[in-house]
């Protein structure tokens, strides 16, 4: 008996591992197109549902899709309403597993397909020069998944000749509504343990096919699995922001509400399924198809009923899930979540891009403040300098957290293309932090100017102001191109900005030297003026390096202006 249980668990383990490999392979293969998928998601609620359906149907895991959604919401890539739409679609997409098993798994020798898939996967995995490792992982995962299902079938005993083995289940099948509740709870608990509704569905179908349970009991288990599968997203949201937690709770609430209304209409719903797929109620061979149809129709009806009310539902979830105390005031943290079968590495990369954009937005406020400080009165200068330094400290914290996050991402099993993107993101993060350092040096010049009671004449002040505006334009240019494909034309535009900054610097330096030669300015004033120009120019230099990194990251090409510098952390 113990050996038989271990065989069943081992077969389930192979099924889950095959699903993991297949999921990771599909996510890696689709990784470079993830941005296009996200853009499609955010058009409206209908496209969100369609995306959730197709993504889940492809990777065969609604848990993976919903955890992905929680990660995207936590990264600020889309809002709660869009997330709920994807979750609704995921619930329909996950029903494909039942149809695959019902139509293929119990009618054909699964090993006939599994072993050739593994054979085809082997050369793709080990011949690196072909560059087909992702396809190899998909095929290997497919093979192991169905081989695990085949072993599960062989490990589960056919108890048709031993009816006494059914006595344990019979004790809970004639209790009316209590039977419904008990088996929904069992399905919920089993799915929470394995954290994969597809795997729980495979086990349910196998037990039903061999006569362990009848169709109504199997349907109750499936309803429970719909609730149990939400645990993965719930766990993923525990350390996330309030919007991500709301997305996870929306998934749970949606599935619970669906089970509640099904409890009212369960008996006629079962009768309707049996009328669509007619046959004797004792014919166990019909149960897999009936169960797949039950699962699909339940989720389609549930989604269709919810779709018009996504907005009010989102407001309800927002009311139920409140922000934690002092949540917004907490120290900035970017928690790394290991990518795997529940989350594509691409999601972490997009998350990092979003956080770097926040750095760019913060910098867009820091630099003008620093530039204003060097031109203000002594009293105002000190206040501005303190504000800039506080923001620069926040920028430094973000740099540290995001850099650590990116290093963790680079240790994942990711494609060469994604590794290049990570290298460029590290470079952009470092250059952004360097600009923050330049701003801090500018405020140091401002404090020195106030302390030594140095004042620029009207012309000098106007020159610094105009020069700073030119550099600020560069900061805005880069911010607008974060996460957007930068073409060669845009890089040449960045190069023109860099040249304009350098040329302006040369003109202003000559004007400063001329003032010194003619005795029209104090030496201390002009030295400080040159220092301020130098720090502003360095902001332009770092900005151009960011442009080059953006170009290389989004186009996969070396900069036509110059070769990219090596990335250092």
Protein backbone atom coordinates (compact mmCIF):
# COMPACT_ATOMS: atom_id res chain seq x y z
CA UNK A 1 0.00 0.00 0.00
CA UNK A 2 2.82 2.43 0.93
CA UNK A 3 4.67 1.56 -2.28
CA UNK A 4 1.52 2.22 -4.33
CA UNK A 5 1.05 5.63 -2.68
CA UNK A 6 4.68 6.52 -3.38
CA UNK A 7 4.23 5.46 -7.03
CA UNK A 8 1.19 7.73 -7.36
CA UNK A 9 3.07 10.63 -5.71
CA UNK A 10 6.08 10.02 -7.96
CA UNK A 11 3.89 10.07 -11.06
CA UNK A 12 2.28 13.29 -9.83
CA UNK A 13 5.75 14.73 -9.25
CA UNK A 14 6.74 13.91 -12.83
CA UNK A 15 3.51 15.52 -14.07
CA UNK A 16 4.26 18.70 -12.09
CA UNK A 17 7.90 18.80 -13.18
CA UNK A 18 6.88 18.36 -16.80
CA UNK A 19 4.40 21.22 -16.40
CA UNK A 20 7.17 23.35 -14.84
CA UNK A 21 9.56 22.74 -17.73
CA UNK A 22 6.92 23.31 -20.38
CA UNK A 23 5.73 26.51 -18.69
CA UNK A 24 9.26 27.90 -18.37
CA UNK A 25 10.08 27.03 -21.98
CA UNK A 26 6.97 28.76 -23.31
CA UNK A 27 7.55 31.82 -21.14
CA UNK A 28 11.19 32.11 -22.27
CA UNK A 29 10.25 31.69 -25.92
CA UNK A 30 7.58 34.37 -25.59
CA UNK A 31 9.66 36.57 -23.28
CA UNK A 32 10.84 39.04 -25.91
CA UNK A 33 7.24 39.62 -27.00
CA UNK A 34 5.95 40.12 -23.45
CA UNK A 35 5.75 43.89 -23.91
CA UNK A 36 3.40 43.45 -26.90
CA UNK A 37 1.24 41.09 -24.86
CA UNK A 38 1.04 43.65 -22.04
CA UNK A 39 0.08 46.40 -24.47
CA UNK A 40 -2.75 44.19 -25.78
CA UNK A 41 -3.84 43.41 -22.22
CA UNK A 42 -4.36 47.04 -21.37
CA UNK A 43 -6.63 48.04 -24.29
CA UNK A 44 -9.87 47.14 -22.47
CA UNK A 45 -11.45 44.48 -20.26
CA UNK A 46 -12.32 42.22 -23.20
CA UNK A 47 -8.74 42.07 -24.50
CA UNK A 48 -7.61 41.43 -20.92
CA UNK A 49 -9.94 38.40 -20.72
CA UNK A 50 -8.77 37.15 -24.14
CA UNK A 51 -5.13 37.52 -23.10
CA UNK A 52 -5.73 35.68 -19.82
CA UNK A 53 -7.40 32.84 -21.73
CA UNK A 54 -4.68 32.37 -24.34
CA UNK A 55 -1.75 32.77 -21.94
CA UNK A 56 -3.22 30.20 -19.55
CA UNK A 57 -4.19 27.82 -22.36
CA UNK A 58 -0.59 28.01 -23.62
CA UNK A 59 1.23 27.52 -20.31
CA UNK A 60 -1.46 25.27 -18.77
CA UNK A 61 -1.44 26.92 -15.37
CA UNK A 62 -3.89 29.52 -14.13
CA UNK A 63 -1.70 29.82 -11.02
CA UNK A 64 1.24 30.89 -13.20
CA UNK A 65 -0.94 33.44 -15.00
CA UNK A 66 -2.41 34.94 -11.83
CA UNK A 67 0.98 35.16 -10.10
CA UNK A 68 2.24 36.88 -13.25
CA UNK A 69 -0.70 39.30 -12.98
CA UNK A 70 0.05 40.01 -9.31
CA UNK A 71 3.68 40.73 -10.23
CA UNK A 72 2.65 43.06 -13.05
CA UNK A 73 0.23 44.96 -10.83
CA UNK A 74 2.85 45.19 -8.10
CA UNK A 75 5.27 46.61 -10.68
CA UNK A 76 2.68 49.21 -11.69
CA UNK A 77 2.43 47.91 -15.27
CA UNK A 78 -1.36 47.90 -15.19
CA UNK A 79 -4.25 48.52 -12.82
CA UNK A 80 -6.65 46.40 -10.78
CA UNK A 81 -9.48 46.45 -13.35
CA UNK A 82 -7.19 45.15 -16.09
CA UNK A 83 -5.79 42.52 -13.70
CA UNK A 84 -9.28 41.22 -12.91
CA UNK A 85 -9.98 40.86 -16.64
CA UNK A 86 -6.89 38.71 -17.13
CA UNK A 87 -7.82 36.60 -14.10
CA UNK A 88 -11.30 35.97 -15.54
CA UNK A 89 -9.75 34.80 -18.79
CA UNK A 90 -7.26 32.60 -16.94
CA UNK A 91 -10.11 30.71 -15.30
CA UNK A 92 -11.41 29.73 -18.73
CA UNK A 93 -7.97 28.95 -20.14
CA UNK A 94 -7.16 26.47 -17.38
CA UNK A 95 -10.11 24.27 -18.45
CA UNK A 96 -8.13 23.14 -21.50
CA UNK A 97 -6.19 20.69 -19.29
CA UNK A 98 -9.37 18.72 -18.65
CA UNK A 99 -10.15 18.47 -22.36
CA UNK A 100 -6.62 17.32 -23.22
CA UNK A 101 -6.76 14.58 -20.62
CA UNK A 102 -10.37 13.63 -21.42
CA UNK A 103 -9.94 13.47 -25.20
CA UNK A 104 -6.36 12.20 -25.41
CA UNK A 105 -5.16 11.02 -22.04
CA UNK A 106 -7.59 8.15 -21.50
CA UNK A 107 -8.17 7.11 -25.11
CA UNK A 108 -4.62 6.69 -26.39
CA UNK A 109 -1.37 5.31 -25.08
CA UNK A 110 0.10 8.55 -23.78
CA UNK A 111 3.63 7.15 -23.71
CA UNK A 112 3.38 6.87 -27.50
CA UNK A 113 3.51 10.68 -27.65
CA UNK A 114 5.58 11.31 -24.52
CA UNK A 115 8.72 9.35 -25.41
CA UNK A 116 9.09 10.75 -28.98
CA UNK A 117 8.67 14.27 -27.56
CA UNK A 118 11.50 13.60 -25.09
CA UNK A 119 13.62 12.13 -27.91
CA UNK A 120 13.11 15.25 -30.05
CA UNK A 121 13.85 17.50 -27.07
CA UNK A 122 17.24 15.96 -26.27
CA UNK A 123 19.28 17.32 -29.23
CA UNK A 124 17.56 20.71 -28.95
CA UNK A 125 18.67 20.97 -25.33
CA UNK A 126 22.26 19.80 -25.74
CA UNK A 127 23.32 21.24 -29.12
CA UNK A 128 23.86 24.83 -28.05
CA UNK A 129 24.78 26.19 -31.49
CA UNK A 130 21.24 25.51 -32.72
CA UNK A 131 19.91 28.01 -30.19
CA UNK A 132 16.72 25.97 -29.65
CA UNK A 133 16.95 25.31 -25.91
CA UNK A 134 13.56 26.92 -25.25
CA UNK A 135 11.86 24.63 -27.79
CA UNK A 136 13.71 21.71 -26.21
CA UNK A 137 12.37 22.62 -22.76
CA UNK A 138 8.83 22.84 -24.15
CA UNK A 139 9.06 19.40 -25.77
CA UNK A 140 10.75 17.81 -22.74
CA UNK A 141 8.13 19.31 -20.43
CA UNK A 142 5.35 18.07 -22.73
CA UNK A 143 6.84 14.58 -22.73
CA UNK A 144 7.36 14.38 -18.98
CA UNK A 145 3.90 15.82 -18.32
CA UNK A 146 2.15 13.12 -20.31
CA UNK A 147 4.54 10.40 -19.15
CA UNK A 148 3.68 11.37 -15.59
CA UNK A 149 -0.02 11.18 -16.43
CA UNK A 150 0.51 7.73 -17.99
CA UNK A 151 2.34 6.52 -14.88
CA UNK A 152 -0.44 7.98 -12.73
CA UNK A 153 -2.98 5.97 -14.67
CA UNK A 154 -0.94 2.78 -14.22
CA UNK A 155 -0.32 3.45 -10.52
CA UNK A 156 -3.97 4.03 -9.58
CA UNK A 157 -5.57 0.61 -8.99
CA UNK A 158 -8.74 -0.30 -10.86
CA UNK A 159 -11.09 -0.99 -7.97
CA UNK A 160 -14.04 -2.15 -10.07
CA UNK A 161 -13.36 -5.66 -8.82
CA UNK A 162 -12.95 -4.51 -5.22
CA UNK A 163 -16.10 -2.51 -4.35
CA UNK A 164 -15.24 -2.56 -0.65
CA UNK A 165 -12.55 0.04 -1.37
CA UNK A 166 -15.35 2.50 -2.14
CA UNK A 167 -16.81 2.27 1.35
CA UNK A 168 -14.70 5.18 2.63
CA UNK A 169 -16.06 7.52 -0.05
CA UNK A 170 -19.61 6.16 0.11
CA UNK A 171 -19.82 7.36 3.70
CA UNK A 172 -19.72 10.96 2.44
CA UNK A 173 -21.73 10.76 -0.79
CA UNK A 174 -25.29 10.54 0.50
CA UNK A 175 -25.35 13.57 2.78
CA UNK A 176 -27.06 16.02 0.40
CA UNK A 177 -25.67 19.54 0.65
CA UNK A 178 -23.08 18.35 3.18
CA UNK A 179 -21.59 16.13 0.46
CA UNK A 180 -21.21 19.20 -1.77
CA UNK A 181 -19.44 21.16 0.97
CA UNK A 182 -17.17 18.28 2.03
CA UNK A 183 -15.85 17.52 -1.45
CA UNK A 184 -15.47 21.20 -2.37
CA UNK A 185 -13.30 21.54 0.74
CA UNK A 186 -11.32 18.41 -0.19
CA UNK A 187 -10.71 19.80 -3.69
CA UNK A 188 -9.65 23.14 -2.20
CA UNK A 189 -7.20 21.59 0.26
CA UNK A 190 -5.64 19.21 -2.29
CA UNK A 191 -5.07 22.05 -4.77
CA UNK A 192 -3.63 24.29 -2.06
CA UNK A 193 -1.12 21.53 -1.26
CA UNK A 194 0.03 20.85 -4.84
CA UNK A 195 -0.45 24.52 -5.86
CA UNK A 196 -1.55 23.53 -9.37
CA UNK A 197 -5.20 23.17 -10.36
CA UNK A 198 -4.16 21.37 -13.57
CA UNK A 199 -2.42 18.67 -11.53
CA UNK A 200 -5.39 18.40 -9.16
CA UNK A 201 -7.69 18.15 -12.20
CA UNK A 202 -5.54 15.32 -13.60
CA UNK A 203 -5.80 13.43 -10.30
CA UNK A 204 -9.58 13.98 -10.17
CA UNK A 205 -10.07 12.75 -13.73
CA UNK A 206 -7.94 9.69 -13.05
CA UNK A 207 -9.90 8.77 -9.92
CA UNK A 208 -13.21 9.28 -11.74
CA UNK A 209 -12.10 7.23 -14.76
CA UNK A 210 -11.25 4.27 -12.55
CA UNK A 211 -14.48 4.45 -10.57
CA UNK A 212 -13.22 5.84 -7.30
CA UNK A 213 -15.71 8.70 -7.45
CA UNK A 214 -18.83 9.45 -9.49
CA UNK A 215 -19.48 12.50 -11.68
CA UNK A 216 -21.22 14.77 -9.07
CA UNK A 217 -18.46 14.15 -6.53
CA UNK A 218 -15.78 14.81 -9.15
CA UNK A 219 -17.59 18.06 -10.08
CA UNK A 220 -17.51 19.14 -6.42
CA UNK A 221 -13.77 18.46 -6.32
CA UNK A 222 -13.29 20.60 -9.44
CA UNK A 223 -15.18 23.49 -7.83
CA UNK A 224 -12.91 23.19 -4.82
CA UNK A 225 -9.88 23.17 -7.10
CA UNK A 226 -11.07 26.49 -8.54
CA UNK A 227 -10.83 27.98 -5.03
CA UNK A 228 -7.63 26.17 -4.04
CA UNK A 229 -5.70 27.42 -7.06
CA UNK A 230 -5.98 30.99 -5.75
CA UNK A 231 -3.60 30.22 -2.86
CA UNK A 232 -0.51 30.63 -5.08
CA UNK A 233 -1.38 34.18 -6.08
CA UNK A 234 -2.35 34.92 -2.47
CA UNK A 235 1.10 33.82 -1.24
CA UNK A 236 2.80 35.82 -4.00
CA UNK A 237 0.94 38.97 -2.90
CA UNK A 238 1.86 38.84 0.79
CA UNK A 239 4.88 41.11 0.43
CA UNK A 240 3.45 43.16 -2.43
CA UNK A 241 1.77 46.56 -2.52
CA UNK A 242 -1.92 47.10 -1.84
CA UNK A 243 -2.98 46.95 -5.51
CA UNK A 244 -1.25 43.59 -6.00
CA UNK A 245 -2.90 42.26 -2.82
CA UNK A 246 -6.26 43.41 -4.14
CA UNK A 247 -5.66 41.55 -7.44
CA UNK A 248 -4.93 38.33 -5.53
CA UNK A 249 -8.00 38.73 -3.29
CA UNK A 250 -10.13 39.47 -6.38
CA UNK A 251 -9.11 36.08 -7.77
CA UNK A 252 -10.15 34.32 -4.56
CA UNK A 253 -13.42 36.26 -4.20
CA UNK A 254 -14.37 35.68 -7.84
CA UNK A 255 -13.92 31.91 -7.56
CA UNK A 256 -15.69 31.70 -4.18
CA UNK A 257 -18.71 33.62 -5.52
CA UNK A 258 -18.82 31.25 -8.49
CA UNK A 259 -18.91 28.21 -6.21
CA UNK A 260 -21.65 29.82 -4.08
CA UNK A 261 -24.04 30.30 -7.01
CA UNK A 262 -23.18 26.83 -8.32
CA UNK A 263 -24.20 25.38 -4.93
CA UNK A 264 -27.74 26.66 -5.65
CA UNK A 265 -27.93 25.29 -9.21
CA UNK A 266 -25.68 22.26 -8.81
CA UNK A 267 -28.25 19.49 -9.38
CA UNK A 268 -29.85 20.96 -12.53
CA UNK A 269 -26.40 21.93 -13.84
CA UNK A 270 -25.19 18.33 -13.47
CA UNK A 271 -28.36 17.12 -15.22
CA UNK A 272 -27.73 19.53 -18.09
CA UNK A 273 -24.16 18.26 -18.56
CA UNK A 274 -25.39 14.65 -18.56
CA UNK A 275 -27.99 15.52 -21.18
CA UNK A 276 -25.34 17.11 -23.43
CA UNK A 277 -23.11 14.02 -23.10
CA UNK A 278 -25.73 11.25 -22.78
CA UNK A 279 -25.05 7.81 -21.39
CA UNK A 280 -25.46 5.74 -18.27
CA UNK A 281 -24.58 7.57 -15.07
CA UNK A 282 -22.56 4.52 -14.02
CA UNK A 283 -20.39 4.65 -17.17
CA UNK A 284 -17.07 5.89 -15.75
CA UNK A 285 -15.56 6.30 -19.23
CA UNK A 286 -17.92 9.26 -19.83
CA UNK A 287 -16.90 11.12 -16.69
CA UNK A 288 -13.70 12.76 -18.02
CA UNK A 289 -15.54 14.41 -20.94
CA UNK A 290 -18.47 15.40 -18.73
CA UNK A 291 -16.11 16.83 -16.13
CA UNK A 292 -14.18 18.83 -18.74
CA UNK A 293 -17.48 20.22 -20.09
CA UNK A 294 -18.68 21.02 -16.56
CA UNK A 295 -15.45 22.87 -15.78
CA UNK A 296 -15.54 24.85 -19.05
CA UNK A 297 -19.22 25.82 -18.89
CA UNK A 298 -18.99 26.82 -15.24
CA UNK A 299 -16.06 29.16 -15.87
CA UNK A 300 -17.51 30.62 -19.09
CA UNK A 301 -20.82 31.40 -17.37
CA UNK A 302 -19.07 32.77 -14.29
CA UNK A 303 -16.80 35.01 -16.39
CA UNK A 304 -19.62 36.20 -18.66
CA UNK A 305 -21.73 37.13 -15.63
CA UNK A 306 -18.86 39.05 -14.01
CA UNK A 307 -17.56 40.84 -17.11
CA UNK A 308 -20.07 43.77 -17.07
CA UNK A 309 -19.39 44.34 -13.36
CA UNK A 310 -15.57 44.41 -13.34
CA UNK A 311 -15.57 48.10 -12.35
CA UNK A 312 -17.90 47.74 -9.33
CA UNK A 313 -16.16 44.47 -8.40
CA UNK A 314 -12.79 46.24 -8.40
CA UNK A 315 -14.23 48.96 -6.13
CA UNK A 316 -15.59 46.27 -3.78
CA UNK A 317 -12.18 44.59 -3.55
CA UNK A 318 -10.52 47.99 -2.98
CA UNK A 319 -12.98 48.59 -0.12
CA UNK A 320 -12.28 45.18 1.44
CA UNK A 321 -8.46 45.31 1.14
CA UNK A 322 -7.11 48.43 2.82
CA UNK A 323 -3.52 49.74 2.61
CA UNK A 324 -1.33 48.75 5.52
CA UNK A 325 -0.56 51.38 8.11
CA UNK A 326 2.25 53.67 6.93
CA UNK A 327 2.56 51.56 3.79
CA UNK A 328 3.41 54.48 1.54
CA UNK A 329 5.87 55.98 4.01
CA UNK A 330 7.97 52.81 4.39
CA UNK A 331 11.56 52.68 3.13
CA UNK A 332 11.77 51.88 -0.54
CA UNK A 333 12.13 48.15 -1.13
CA UNK A 334 12.20 46.11 -4.31
CA UNK A 335 11.75 42.50 -3.28
CA UNK A 336 13.05 39.89 -5.72
CA UNK A 337 10.70 37.00 -6.48
CA UNK A 338 12.40 34.02 -8.09
CA UNK A 339 11.09 33.39 -11.57
CA UNK A 340 10.00 29.87 -12.45
CA UNK A 341 6.83 28.01 -13.32
CA UNK A 342 4.79 30.70 -11.57
CA UNK A 343 6.47 33.74 -13.08
CA UNK A 344 8.35 34.49 -16.28
CA UNK A 345 11.82 36.09 -15.94
CA UNK A 346 10.49 38.72 -18.34
CA UNK A 347 8.12 39.94 -15.64
CA UNK A 348 11.03 40.72 -13.32
CA UNK A 349 12.78 42.59 -16.15
CA UNK A 350 9.67 44.66 -16.86
CA UNK A 351 9.32 45.30 -13.14
CA UNK A 352 12.91 46.58 -13.01
CA UNK A 353 12.28 48.83 -16.04
CA UNK A 354 9.28 50.34 -14.26
CA UNK A 355 11.31 51.04 -11.12
CA UNK A 356 14.13 52.64 -13.15
CA UNK A 357 11.52 54.86 -14.77
CA UNK A 358 10.54 55.97 -11.25
CA UNK A 359 14.21 56.85 -10.70
CA UNK A 360 14.14 58.90 -13.90
CA UNK A 361 10.99 60.71 -12.78
CA UNK A 362 12.57 61.50 -9.42
CA UNK A 363 15.71 62.73 -11.17
CA UNK A 364 13.60 64.98 -13.38
CA UNK A 365 12.60 66.82 -10.19
CA UNK A 366 16.03 66.70 -8.48
CA UNK A 367 18.06 68.30 -11.26
CA UNK A 368 15.92 71.47 -11.69
CA UNK A 369 16.00 71.90 -7.91
CA UNK A 370 19.80 71.71 -7.89
CA UNK A 371 20.06 74.13 -10.82
CA UNK A 372 17.70 76.56 -9.07
CA UNK A 373 19.73 76.32 -5.87
CA UNK A 374 22.89 77.68 -7.53
CA UNK A 375 20.97 80.73 -8.77
CA UNK A 376 18.90 81.54 -5.66
CA UNK A 377 19.44 83.80 -2.67
CA UNK A 378 21.39 82.43 0.32
CA UNK A 379 18.26 81.73 2.40
CA UNK A 380 16.41 79.93 -0.39
CA UNK A 381 19.56 78.08 -1.47
CA UNK A 382 19.88 76.21 1.84
CA UNK A 383 16.25 75.04 1.74
CA UNK A 384 16.56 73.88 -1.88
CA UNK A 385 19.86 72.13 -1.16
CA UNK A 386 18.33 70.20 1.75
CA UNK A 387 15.37 69.11 -0.41
CA UNK A 388 17.66 68.00 -3.25
CA UNK A 389 19.96 66.08 -0.89
CA UNK A 390 16.97 64.28 0.68
CA UNK A 391 15.68 63.27 -2.75
CA UNK A 392 19.19 62.21 -3.82
CA UNK A 393 19.39 59.93 -0.76
CA UNK A 394 16.11 58.34 -1.83
CA UNK A 395 17.56 57.92 -5.33
CA UNK A 396 20.63 56.22 -3.84
CA UNK A 397 18.42 53.78 -1.91
CA UNK A 398 16.50 52.98 -5.12
CA UNK A 399 19.80 52.46 -6.94
CA UNK A 400 20.95 49.97 -4.31
CA UNK A 401 17.68 48.04 -4.25
CA UNK A 402 17.22 47.94 -8.03
CA UNK A 403 20.86 46.93 -8.61
CA UNK A 404 20.51 44.01 -6.20
CA UNK A 405 17.24 43.06 -7.87
CA UNK A 406 18.87 43.07 -11.32
CA UNK A 407 21.79 40.96 -10.10
CA UNK A 408 19.31 38.38 -8.76
CA UNK A 409 17.53 38.42 -12.13
CA UNK A 410 20.81 37.81 -13.98
CA UNK A 411 21.33 34.60 -11.97
CA UNK A 412 18.12 33.13 -13.37
CA UNK A 413 18.13 30.70 -16.27
CA UNK A 414 17.31 33.36 -18.87
CA UNK A 415 17.92 33.80 -22.57
CA UNK A 416 20.98 35.58 -23.98
CA UNK A 417 18.70 38.37 -25.20
CA UNK A 418 17.23 38.93 -21.74
CA UNK A 419 20.70 38.81 -20.17
CA UNK A 420 21.76 41.63 -22.50
CA UNK A 421 18.69 43.63 -21.46
CA UNK A 422 19.62 43.12 -17.82
CA UNK A 423 23.18 44.31 -18.44
CA UNK A 424 21.89 47.47 -20.08
CA UNK A 425 19.39 48.06 -17.27
CA UNK A 426 22.22 47.79 -14.74
CA UNK A 427 24.14 50.31 -16.80
CA UNK A 428 21.14 52.70 -16.97
CA UNK A 429 20.59 52.35 -13.21
CA UNK A 430 24.24 53.18 -12.51
CA UNK A 431 24.25 56.18 -14.86
CA UNK A 432 21.03 57.49 -13.29
CA UNK A 433 22.61 57.25 -9.84
CA UNK A 434 25.68 59.08 -11.17
CA UNK A 435 23.46 61.93 -12.33
CA UNK A 436 22.12 62.08 -8.78
CA UNK A 437 25.69 62.46 -7.55
CA UNK A 438 26.19 65.35 -10.01
CA UNK A 439 23.10 67.04 -8.59
CA UNK A 440 24.49 66.67 -5.09
CA UNK A 441 27.75 68.32 -6.23
CA UNK A 442 25.69 71.15 -7.71
CA UNK A 443 24.00 71.75 -4.36
CA UNK A 444 27.45 71.73 -2.72
CA UNK A 445 28.42 74.52 -5.13
CA UNK A 446 25.21 76.34 -4.21
CA UNK A 447 25.97 76.10 -0.48
CA UNK A 448 29.52 77.32 -1.13
CA UNK A 449 28.16 80.25 -3.15
CA UNK A 450 25.80 81.17 -0.30
CA UNK A 451 28.51 80.78 2.36
CA UNK A 452 31.02 82.99 0.53
CA UNK A 453 28.33 85.45 -0.55
CA UNK A 454 29.16 85.02 -4.23
CA UNK A 455 26.68 86.35 -6.76
CA UNK A 456 26.53 85.88 -10.52
CA UNK A 457 25.70 88.84 -12.68
CA UNK A 458 22.54 88.78 -14.79
CA UNK A 459 24.34 87.42 -17.84
CA UNK A 460 26.11 84.61 -15.92
CA UNK A 461 22.89 83.55 -14.18
CA UNK A 462 21.04 83.47 -17.50
CA UNK A 463 23.81 81.37 -19.06
CA UNK A 464 23.61 78.76 -16.28
CA UNK A 465 19.81 78.71 -16.48
CA UNK A 466 19.81 78.20 -20.28
CA UNK A 467 22.48 75.49 -20.03
CA UNK A 468 20.53 73.66 -17.32
CA UNK A 469 17.35 73.77 -19.46
CA UNK A 470 19.24 72.12 -22.32
CA UNK A 471 20.38 69.29 -20.04
CA UNK A 472 16.92 68.93 -18.49
CA UNK A 473 15.59 68.36 -22.00
CA UNK A 474 17.97 65.39 -22.27
CA UNK A 475 16.69 63.91 -18.97
CA UNK A 476 13.10 64.14 -20.21
CA UNK A 477 14.11 62.60 -23.55
CA UNK A 478 15.58 59.53 -21.84
CA UNK A 479 12.66 59.13 -19.44
CA UNK A 480 10.21 59.08 -22.35
CA UNK A 481 12.23 56.34 -24.06
CA UNK A 482 12.48 54.00 -21.06
CA UNK A 483 10.58 50.84 -22.00
CA UNK A 484 10.05 52.10 -25.56
CA UNK A 485 11.98 50.95 -28.60
CA UNK A 486 14.68 53.49 -29.43
CA UNK A 487 15.45 53.60 -33.14
CA UNK A 488 18.64 54.89 -34.75
CA UNK A 489 16.96 58.24 -35.45
CA UNK A 490 16.30 58.74 -31.74
CA UNK A 491 19.89 57.83 -30.85
CA UNK A 492 21.15 60.36 -33.38
CA UNK A 493 18.83 62.91 -31.75
CA UNK A 494 20.45 62.07 -28.40
CA UNK A 495 23.88 62.49 -29.95
CA UNK A 496 22.82 65.92 -31.26
CA UNK A 497 21.75 66.89 -27.73
CA UNK A 498 25.10 65.73 -26.36
CA UNK A 499 26.97 67.74 -29.00
CA UNK A 500 24.84 70.82 -28.25
CA UNK A 501 25.67 70.48 -24.53
CA UNK A 502 29.41 70.17 -25.26
CA UNK A 503 29.39 73.08 -27.70
CA UNK A 504 27.49 75.29 -25.25
CA UNK A 505 29.97 74.38 -22.52
CA UNK A 506 32.87 75.47 -24.74
CA UNK A 507 31.16 78.78 -25.57
CA UNK A 508 30.41 79.52 -21.90
CA UNK A 509 33.96 78.66 -20.82
CA UNK A 510 35.39 81.04 -23.41
CA UNK A 511 33.04 83.77 -22.18
CA UNK A 512 34.20 83.14 -18.60
CA UNK A 513 37.88 83.34 -19.55
CA UNK A 514 37.19 86.55 -21.47
CA UNK A 515 35.56 88.11 -18.39
CA UNK A 516 38.63 87.20 -16.33
CA UNK A 517 41.05 88.69 -18.89
CA UNK A 518 39.13 91.96 -19.08
CA UNK A 519 38.80 92.15 -15.30
CA UNK A 520 35.03 92.11 -15.55
CA UNK A 521 34.59 89.36 -12.96
CA UNK A 522 36.01 88.10 -9.68
CA UNK A 523 38.25 85.01 -9.82
CA UNK A 524 36.25 83.14 -7.14
CA UNK A 525 33.04 83.80 -9.06
CA UNK A 526 34.40 82.47 -12.34
CA UNK A 527 35.98 79.38 -10.73
CA UNK A 528 32.62 78.54 -9.19
CA UNK A 529 30.92 79.26 -12.53
CA UNK A 530 33.25 76.79 -14.31
CA UNK A 531 32.64 74.14 -11.59
CA UNK A 532 28.87 74.47 -12.03
CA UNK A 533 29.22 74.14 -15.81
CA UNK A 534 31.33 71.00 -15.34
CA UNK A 535 28.77 69.28 -13.09
CA UNK A 536 25.91 70.17 -15.45
CA UNK A 537 27.92 68.90 -18.41
CA UNK A 538 28.53 65.58 -16.61
CA UNK A 539 24.76 65.19 -16.29
CA UNK A 540 24.65 65.41 -20.09
CA UNK A 541 27.47 62.86 -20.45
CA UNK A 542 25.68 60.34 -18.23
CA UNK A 543 22.43 61.03 -20.08
CA UNK A 544 24.06 60.16 -23.39
CA UNK A 545 25.34 56.89 -21.92
CA UNK A 546 21.75 56.12 -20.88
CA UNK A 547 20.59 56.79 -24.46
CA UNK A 548 23.21 54.43 -25.82
CA UNK A 549 22.19 51.72 -23.35
CA UNK A 550 18.50 52.17 -24.26
CA UNK A 551 19.35 51.84 -27.93
CA UNK A 552 21.38 48.69 -27.38
CA UNK A 553 18.79 47.17 -25.05
CA UNK A 554 15.84 47.70 -27.39
CA UNK A 555 17.50 47.11 -30.74
CA UNK A 556 20.12 44.50 -29.87
CA UNK A 557 22.71 46.54 -31.81
CA UNK A 558 25.84 48.41 -30.85
CA UNK A 559 25.59 52.17 -30.81
CA UNK A 560 26.42 53.71 -34.20
CA UNK A 561 27.95 56.64 -32.35
CA UNK A 562 30.44 54.57 -30.37
CA UNK A 563 30.94 51.13 -28.93
CA UNK A 564 29.07 50.47 -25.70
CA UNK A 565 31.10 50.64 -22.52
CA UNK A 566 31.42 47.46 -20.43
CA UNK A 567 28.84 47.20 -17.66
CA UNK A 568 30.10 47.40 -14.11
CA UNK A 569 28.17 46.93 -10.90
